[in-house]
Each structure stands twice: as C-alpha cells, then as structure tokens.
PDB file of N, CA and C in Angstrom:
ATOM      1  N   MET A   1     129.581 117.307  78.646  1.00  0.00           N
ATOM      2  CA  MET A   1     128.462 118.209  78.869  1.00  0.00           C
ATOM      3  C   MET A   1     127.252 117.442  79.403  1.00  0.00           C
ATOM      4  N   LEU A   2     126.948 116.303  78.780  1.00  0.00           N
ATOM      5  CA  LEU A   2     125.808 115.499  79.220  1.00  0.00           C
ATOM      6  C   LEU A   2     126.028 114.987  80.642  1.00  0.00           C
ATOM      7  N   LYS A   3     127.283 114.661  80.963  1.00  0.00           N
ATOM      8  CA  LYS A   3     127.609 114.170  82.296  1.00  0.00           C
ATOM      9  C   LYS A   3     127.338 115.247  83.345  1.00  0.00           C
ATOM     10  N   LYS A   4     127.639 116.504  83.040  1.00  0.00           N
ATOM     11  CA  LYS A   4     127.397 117.606  83.974  1.00  0.00           C
ATOM     12  C   LYS A   4     125.899 117.833  84.179  1.00  0.00           C
ATOM     13  N   ILE A   5     125.133 117.713  83.109  1.00  0.00           N
ATOM     14  CA  ILE A   5     123.675 117.897  83.206  1.00  0.00           C
ATOM     15  C   ILE A   5     123.056 116.791  84.048  1.00  0.00           C
ATOM     16  N   MET A   6     123.490 115.549  83.819  1.00  0.00           N
ATOM     17  CA  MET A   6     122.962 114.427  84.595  1.00  0.00           C
ATOM     18  C   MET A   6     123.333 114.572  86.074  1.00  0.00           C
ATOM     19  N   PHE A   7     124.570 114.982  86.353  1.00  0.00           N
ATOM     20  CA  PHE A   7     124.989 115.178  87.732  1.00  0.00           C
ATOM     21  C   PHE A   7     124.166 116.273  88.395  1.00  0.00           C
ATOM     22  N   ALA A   8     123.900 117.355  87.686  1.00  0.00           N
ATOM     23  CA  ALA A   8     123.104 118.452  88.240  1.00  0.00           C
ATOM     24  C   ALA A   8     121.670 117.994  88.518  1.00  0.00           C
ATOM     25  N   ALA A   9     121.119 117.169  87.627  1.00  0.00           N
ATOM     26  CA  ALA A   9     119.754 116.676  87.823  1.00  0.00           C
ATOM     27  C   ALA A   9     119.683 115.761  89.044  1.00  0.00           C
ATOM     28  N   VAL A  10     120.662 114.885  89.198  1.00  0.00           N
ATOM     29  CA  VAL A  10     120.679 113.984  90.354  1.00  0.00           C
ATOM     30  C   VAL A  10     120.864 114.772  91.641  1.00  0.00           C
ATOM     31  N   ALA A  11     121.764 115.733  91.626  1.00  0.00           N
ATOM     32  CA  ALA A  11     122.003 116.547  92.822  1.00  0.00           C
ATOM     33  C   ALA A  11     120.753 117.332  93.203  1.00  0.00           C
ATOM     34  N   THR A  12     120.060 117.874  92.230  1.00  0.00           N
ATOM     35  CA  THR A  12     118.826 118.618  92.493  1.00  0.00           C
ATOM     36  C   THR A  12     117.755 117.701  93.077  1.00  0.00           C
ATOM     37  N   GLY A  13     117.661 116.488  92.531  1.00  0.00           N
ATOM     38  CA  GLY A  13     116.692 115.517  93.048  1.00  0.00           C
ATOM     39  C   GLY A  13     116.981 115.139  94.486  1.00  0.00           C
ATOM     40  N   LEU A  14     118.240 114.948  94.807  1.00  0.00           N
ATOM     41  CA  LEU A  14     118.600 114.611  96.186  1.00  0.00           C
ATOM     42  C   LEU A  14     118.302 115.753  97.151  1.00  0.00           C
ATOM     43  N   VAL A  15     118.599 116.954  96.749  1.00  0.00           N
ATOM     44  CA  VAL A  15     118.316 118.116  97.596  1.00  0.00           C
ATOM     45  C   VAL A  15     116.815 118.255  97.819  1.00  0.00           C
ATOM     46  N   ALA A  16     116.030 118.050  96.767  1.00  0.00           N
ATOM     47  CA  ALA A  16     114.571 118.153  96.898  1.00  0.00           C
ATOM     48  C   ALA A  16     114.028 117.053  97.802  1.00  0.00           C
ATOM     49  N   ALA A  17     114.573 115.842  97.687  1.00  0.00           N
ATOM     50  CA  ALA A  17     114.109 114.733  98.520  1.00  0.00           C
ATOM     51  C   ALA A  17     114.435 114.961  99.992  1.00  0.00           C
ATOM     52  N   VAL A  18     115.579 115.534 100.269  1.00  0.00           N
ATOM     53  CA  VAL A  18     115.961 115.803 101.657  1.00  0.00           C
ATOM     54  C   VAL A  18     115.143 116.965 102.224  1.00  0.00           C
ATOM     55  N   ALA A  19     114.830 117.929 101.381  1.00  0.00           N
ATOM     56  CA  ALA A  19     114.109 119.113 101.854  1.00  0.00           C
ATOM     57  C   ALA A  19     112.640 118.819 102.128  1.00  0.00           C
ATOM     58  N   LEU A  20     112.069 117.808 101.486  1.00  0.00           N
ATOM     59  CA  LEU A  20     110.656 117.490 101.654  1.00  0.00           C
ATOM     60  C   LEU A  20     110.474 116.709 102.949  1.00  0.00           C
ATOM     61  N   PRO A  21     109.753 117.240 103.918  1.00  0.00           N
ATOM     62  CA  PRO A  21     109.575 116.534 105.184  1.00  0.00           C
ATOM     63  C   PRO A  21     108.764 115.248 105.007  1.00  0.00           C
ATOM     64  N   ILE A  22     109.097 114.254 105.770  1.00  0.00           N
ATOM     65  CA  ILE A  22     108.429 112.958 105.708  1.00  0.00           C
ATOM     66  C   ILE A  22     106.971 113.088 106.151  1.00  0.00           C
ATOM     67  N   THR A  23     106.679 113.950 107.091  1.00  0.00           N
ATOM     68  CA  THR A  23     105.322 114.065 107.611  1.00  0.00           C
ATOM     69  C   THR A  23     104.351 114.543 106.540  1.00  0.00           C
ATOM     70  N   GLN A  24     104.791 115.389 105.633  1.00  0.00           N
ATOM     71  CA  GLN A  24     103.909 115.842 104.569  1.00  0.00           C
ATOM     72  C   GLN A  24     103.592 114.718 103.605  1.00  0.00           C
ATOM     73  N   VAL A  25     104.526 113.842 103.367  1.00  0.00           N
ATOM     74  CA  VAL A  25     104.296 112.721 102.467  1.00  0.00           C
ATOM     75  C   VAL A  25     103.284 111.768 103.081  1.00  0.00           C
ATOM     76  N   LYS A  26     103.411 111.494 104.364  1.00  0.00           N
ATOM     77  CA  LYS A  26     102.487 110.587 105.032  1.00  0.00           C
ATOM     78  C   LYS A  26     101.095 111.205 105.157  1.00  0.00           C
ATOM     79  N   ALA A  27     101.011 112.507 105.359  1.00  0.00           N
ATOM     80  CA  ALA A  27      99.723 113.163 105.541  1.00  0.00           C
ATOM     81  C   ALA A  27      98.884 113.131 104.273  1.00  0.00           C
ATOM     82  N   ALA A  28      99.480 112.881 103.139  1.00  0.00           N
ATOM     83  CA  ALA A  28      98.733 112.875 101.887  1.00  0.00           C
ATOM     84  C   ALA A  28      97.796 111.683 101.783  1.00  0.00           C
ATOM     85  N   GLY A  29      98.110 110.591 102.468  1.00  0.00           N
ATOM     86  CA  GLY A  29      97.285 109.392 102.396  1.00  0.00           C
ATOM     87  C   GLY A  29      96.053 109.498 103.275  1.00  0.00           C
ATOM     88  N   PRO A  30      95.078 108.589 103.084  1.00  0.00           N
ATOM     89  CA  PRO A  30      93.878 108.608 103.924  1.00  0.00           C
ATOM     90  C   PRO A  30      94.186 108.140 105.343  1.00  0.00           C
ATOM     91  N   LEU A  31      93.392 108.622 106.273  1.00  0.00           N
ATOM     92  CA  LEU A  31      93.561 108.248 107.673  1.00  0.00           C
ATOM     93  C   LEU A  31      92.968 106.873 107.927  1.00  0.00           C
ATOM     94  N   THR A  32      93.618 106.106 108.775  1.00  0.00           N
ATOM     95  CA  THR A  32      93.036 104.850 109.225  1.00  0.00           C
ATOM     96  C   THR A  32      92.094 105.158 110.383  1.00  0.00           C
ATOM     97  N   CYS A  33      91.296 104.165 110.752  1.00  0.00           N
ATOM     98  CA  CYS A  33      90.382 104.363 111.875  1.00  0.00           C
ATOM     99  C   CYS A  33      91.151 104.646 113.166  1.00  0.00           C
ATOM    100  N   LYS A  34      92.285 103.989 113.338  1.00  0.00           N
ATOM    101  CA  LYS A  34      93.089 104.192 114.542  1.00  0.00           C
ATOM    102  C   LYS A  34      93.632 105.617 114.610  1.00  0.00           C
ATOM    103  N   GLU A  35      94.135 106.121 113.491  1.00  0.00           N
ATOM    104  CA  GLU A  35      94.672 107.486 113.463  1.00  0.00           C
ATOM    105  C   GLU A  35      93.571 108.519 113.682  1.00  0.00           C
ATOM    106  N   ALA A  36      92.408 108.288 113.066  1.00  0.00           N
ATOM    107  CA  ALA A  36      91.294 109.220 113.239  1.00  0.00           C
ATOM    108  C   ALA A  36      90.820 109.243 114.693  1.00  0.00           C
ATOM    109  N   ALA A  37      90.796 108.075 115.325  1.00  0.00           N
ATOM    110  CA  ALA A  37      90.389 108.001 116.723  1.00  0.00           C
ATOM    111  C   ALA A  37      91.370 108.750 117.623  1.00  0.00           C
ATOM    112  N   LYS A  38      92.664 108.615 117.334  1.00  0.00           N
ATOM    113  CA  LYS A  38      93.668 109.319 118.135  1.00  0.00           C
ATOM    114  C   LYS A  38      93.545 110.827 117.978  1.00  0.00           C
ATOM    115  N   LEU A  39      93.203 111.281 116.775  1.00  0.00           N
ATOM    116  CA  LEU A  39      93.041 112.721 116.565  1.00  0.00           C
ATOM    117  C   LEU A  39      91.788 113.255 117.255  1.00  0.00           C
ATOM    118  N   LYS A  40      90.713 112.475 117.219  1.00  0.00           N
ATOM    119  CA  LYS A  40      89.453 112.953 117.788  1.00  0.00           C
ATOM    120  C   LYS A  40      89.450 112.874 119.315  1.00  0.00           C
ATOM    121  N   TYR A  41      90.001 111.784 119.869  1.00  0.00           N
ATOM    122  CA  TYR A  41      90.032 111.593 121.325  1.00  0.00           C
ATOM    123  C   TYR A  41      91.470 111.304 121.767  1.00  0.00           C
ATOM    124  N   PRO A  42      92.298 112.328 121.885  1.00  0.00           N
ATOM    125  CA  PRO A  42      93.702 112.075 122.218  1.00  0.00           C
ATOM    126  C   PRO A  42      93.944 111.573 123.646  1.00  0.00           C
ATOM    127  N   ALA A  43      93.080 111.904 124.590  1.00  0.00           N
ATOM    128  CA  ALA A  43      93.338 111.546 125.978  1.00  0.00           C
ATOM    129  C   ALA A  43      92.403 110.465 126.519  1.00  0.00           C
ATOM    130  N   ASP A  44      91.283 110.196 125.886  1.00  0.00           N
ATOM    131  CA  ASP A  44      90.282 109.264 126.412  1.00  0.00           C
ATOM    132  C   ASP A  44      90.365 107.921 125.687  1.00  0.00           C
ATOM    133  N   HIS A  45      90.954 106.925 126.358  1.00  0.00           N
ATOM    134  CA  HIS A  45      91.169 105.621 125.723  1.00  0.00           C
ATOM    135  C   HIS A  45      89.852 104.903 125.428  1.00  0.00           C
ATOM    136  N   ALA A  46      88.892 104.964 126.339  1.00  0.00           N
ATOM    137  CA  ALA A  46      87.624 104.257 126.143  1.00  0.00           C
ATOM    138  C   ALA A  46      86.851 104.833 124.952  1.00  0.00           C
ATOM    139  N   ALA A  47      86.796 106.146 124.859  1.00  0.00           N
ATOM    140  CA  ALA A  47      86.099 106.784 123.737  1.00  0.00           C
ATOM    141  C   ALA A  47      86.826 106.499 122.425  1.00  0.00           C
ATOM    142  N   ARG A  48      88.155 106.473 122.483  1.00  0.00           N
ATOM    143  CA  ARG A  48      88.950 106.195 121.287  1.00  0.00           C
ATOM    144  C   ARG A  48      88.684 104.769 120.790  1.00  0.00           C
ATOM    145  N   SER A  49      88.599 103.826 121.716  1.00  0.00           N
ATOM    146  CA  SER A  49      88.340 102.438 121.357  1.00  0.00           C
ATOM    147  C   SER A  49      86.948 102.276 120.749  1.00  0.00           C
ATOM    148  N   ALA A  50      85.959 102.920 121.345  1.00  0.00           N
ATOM    149  CA  ALA A  50      84.597 102.843 120.819  1.00  0.00           C
ATOM    150  C   ALA A  50      84.502 103.492 119.438  1.00  0.00           C
ATOM    151  N   TYR A  51      85.164 104.602 119.257  1.00  0.00           N
ATOM    152  CA  TYR A  51      85.161 105.284 117.960  1.00  0.00           C
ATOM    153  C   TYR A  51      85.813 104.404 116.889  1.00  0.00           C
ATOM    154  N   LYS A  52      86.924 103.769 117.259  1.00  0.00           N
ATOM    155  CA  LYS A  52      87.633 102.920 116.307  1.00  0.00           C
ATOM    156  C   LYS A  52      86.776 101.726 115.894  1.00  0.00           C
ATOM    157  N   LYS A  53      86.070 101.116 116.843  1.00  0.00           N
ATOM    158  CA  LYS A  53      85.203  99.976 116.525  1.00  0.00           C
ATOM    159  C   LYS A  53      84.060 100.400 115.605  1.00  0.00           C
ATOM    160  N   GLY A  54      83.459 101.548 115.885  1.00  0.00           N
ATOM    161  CA  GLY A  54      82.380 102.051 115.035  1.00  0.00           C
ATOM    162  C   GLY A  54      82.872 102.403 113.638  1.00  0.00           C
ATOM    163  N   CYS A  55      84.045 102.977 113.573  1.00  0.00           N
ATOM    164  CA  CYS A  55      84.637 103.338 112.279  1.00  0.00           C
ATOM    165  C   CYS A  55      84.903 102.101 111.437  1.00  0.00           C
ATOM    166  N   LYS A  56      85.462 101.060 112.065  1.00  0.00           N
ATOM    167  CA  LYS A  56      85.741  99.817 111.342  1.00  0.00           C
ATOM    168  C   LYS A  56      84.455  99.168 110.850  1.00  0.00           C
ATOM    169  N   ALA A  57      83.433  99.163 111.694  1.00  0.00           N
ATOM    170  CA  ALA A  57      82.162  98.562 111.296  1.00  0.00           C
ATOM    171  C   ALA A  57      81.553  99.314 110.118  1.00  0.00           C
ATOM    172  N   ALA A  58      81.617 100.639 110.149  1.00  0.00           N
ATOM    173  CA  ALA A  58      81.075 101.439 109.045  1.00  0.00           C
ATOM    174  C   ALA A  58      81.871 101.208 107.763  1.00  0.00           C
ATOM    175  N   TRP A  59      83.185 101.092 107.875  1.00  0.00           N
ATOM    176  CA  TRP A  59      84.016 100.854 106.702  1.00  0.00           C
ATOM    177  C   TRP A  59      83.708  99.492 106.093  1.00  0.00           C
ATOM    178  N   LYS A  60      83.576  98.476 106.950  1.00  0.00           N
ATOM    179  CA  LYS A  60      83.268  97.135 106.451  1.00  0.00           C
ATOM    180  C   LYS A  60      81.906  97.097 105.772  1.00  0.00           C
ATOM    181  N   ALA A  61      80.912  97.762 106.364  1.00  0.00           N
ATOM    182  CA  ALA A  61      79.569  97.773 105.779  1.00  0.00           C
ATOM    183  C   ALA A  61      79.573  98.469 104.424  1.00  0.00           C
ATOM    184  N   ALA A  62      80.287  99.565 104.310  1.00  0.00           N
ATOM    185  CA  ALA A  62      80.324 100.313 103.055  1.00  0.00           C
ATOM    186  C   ALA A  62      81.045  99.522 101.970  1.00  0.00           C
ATOM    187  N   HIS A  63      82.131  98.864 102.324  1.00  0.00           N
ATOM    188  CA  HIS A  63      82.903  98.148 101.322  1.00  0.00           C
ATOM    189  C   HIS A  63      82.307  96.778 100.990  1.00  0.00           C
ATOM    190  N   LYS A  64      81.584  96.199 101.912  1.00  0.00           N
ATOM    191  CA  LYS A  64      80.914  94.929 101.640  1.00  0.00           C
ATOM    192  C   LYS A  64      79.826  95.128 100.596  1.00  0.00           C
ATOM    193  N   GLY A  65      79.086  96.229 100.700  1.00  0.00           N
ATOM    194  CA  GLY A  65      78.053  96.543  99.707  1.00  0.00           C
ATOM    195  C   GLY A  65      78.658  96.878  98.364  1.00  0.00           C
ATOM    196  N   ALA A  66      79.818  97.526  98.364  1.00  0.00           N
ATOM    197  CA  ALA A  66      80.471  97.908  97.110  1.00  0.00           C
ATOM    198  C   ALA A  66      80.997  96.671  96.385  1.00  0.00           C
ATOM    199  N   VAL A  67      81.455  95.674  97.125  1.00  0.00           N
ATOM    200  CA  VAL A  67      81.977  94.464  96.503  1.00  0.00           C
ATOM    201  C   VAL A  67      80.839  93.641  95.906  1.00  0.00           C
ATOM    202  N   LYS A  68      79.709  93.563  96.602  1.00  0.00           N
ATOM    203  CA  LYS A  68      78.566  92.803  96.094  1.00  0.00           C
ATOM    204  C   LYS A  68      78.000  93.411  94.814  1.00  0.00           C
ATOM    205  N   SER A  69      77.985  94.739  94.733  1.00  0.00           N
ATOM    206  CA  SER A  69      77.412  95.380  93.561  1.00  0.00           C
ATOM    207  C   SER A  69      78.342  95.331  92.355  1.00  0.00           C
ATOM    208  N   ALA A  70      79.608  95.068  92.580  1.00  0.00           N
ATOM    209  CA  ALA A  70      80.568  95.036  91.468  1.00  0.00           C
ATOM    210  C   ALA A  70      80.558  93.751  90.701  1.00  0.00           C
TER     211      ALA A  70
END
C-alpha cells in the first residue's frame, strides 16, 4: 500500500514538473540590466547599450551605499 502511494506521489510530481513551463519559472526572478534593456529597446542597439550602462551604474551606486552602511 505504501509503495502505491509513493509511486502515485512521484508520478504526480513528474507530471506537474513537465506541465509547468520553463518560461514561468525564469520570469519569477528579477530582471538583469541586459534583459530590461532588451525589453525597453528591442530594435535600437545604441539606446539599449546606453540604457544598460546607466542601469549598471545606478545598481552599483545603490549597492555600494548599502554595503557601507551595513
């Protein structure tokens, strides 16, 4: 009886894992500067590059202050 329950639990877990799309799992995490730039400027490489540089600079400034205060 216990063997049947364990098999059913494993089978259910496998079905759930296959049914869950990979894109939804990845979308749950925070966006990187590169991904955000691609979403905001999908066709303009120069604007995307400038946005990414500004995003990185802002992230570094925010986290540098957070590390000093800790």
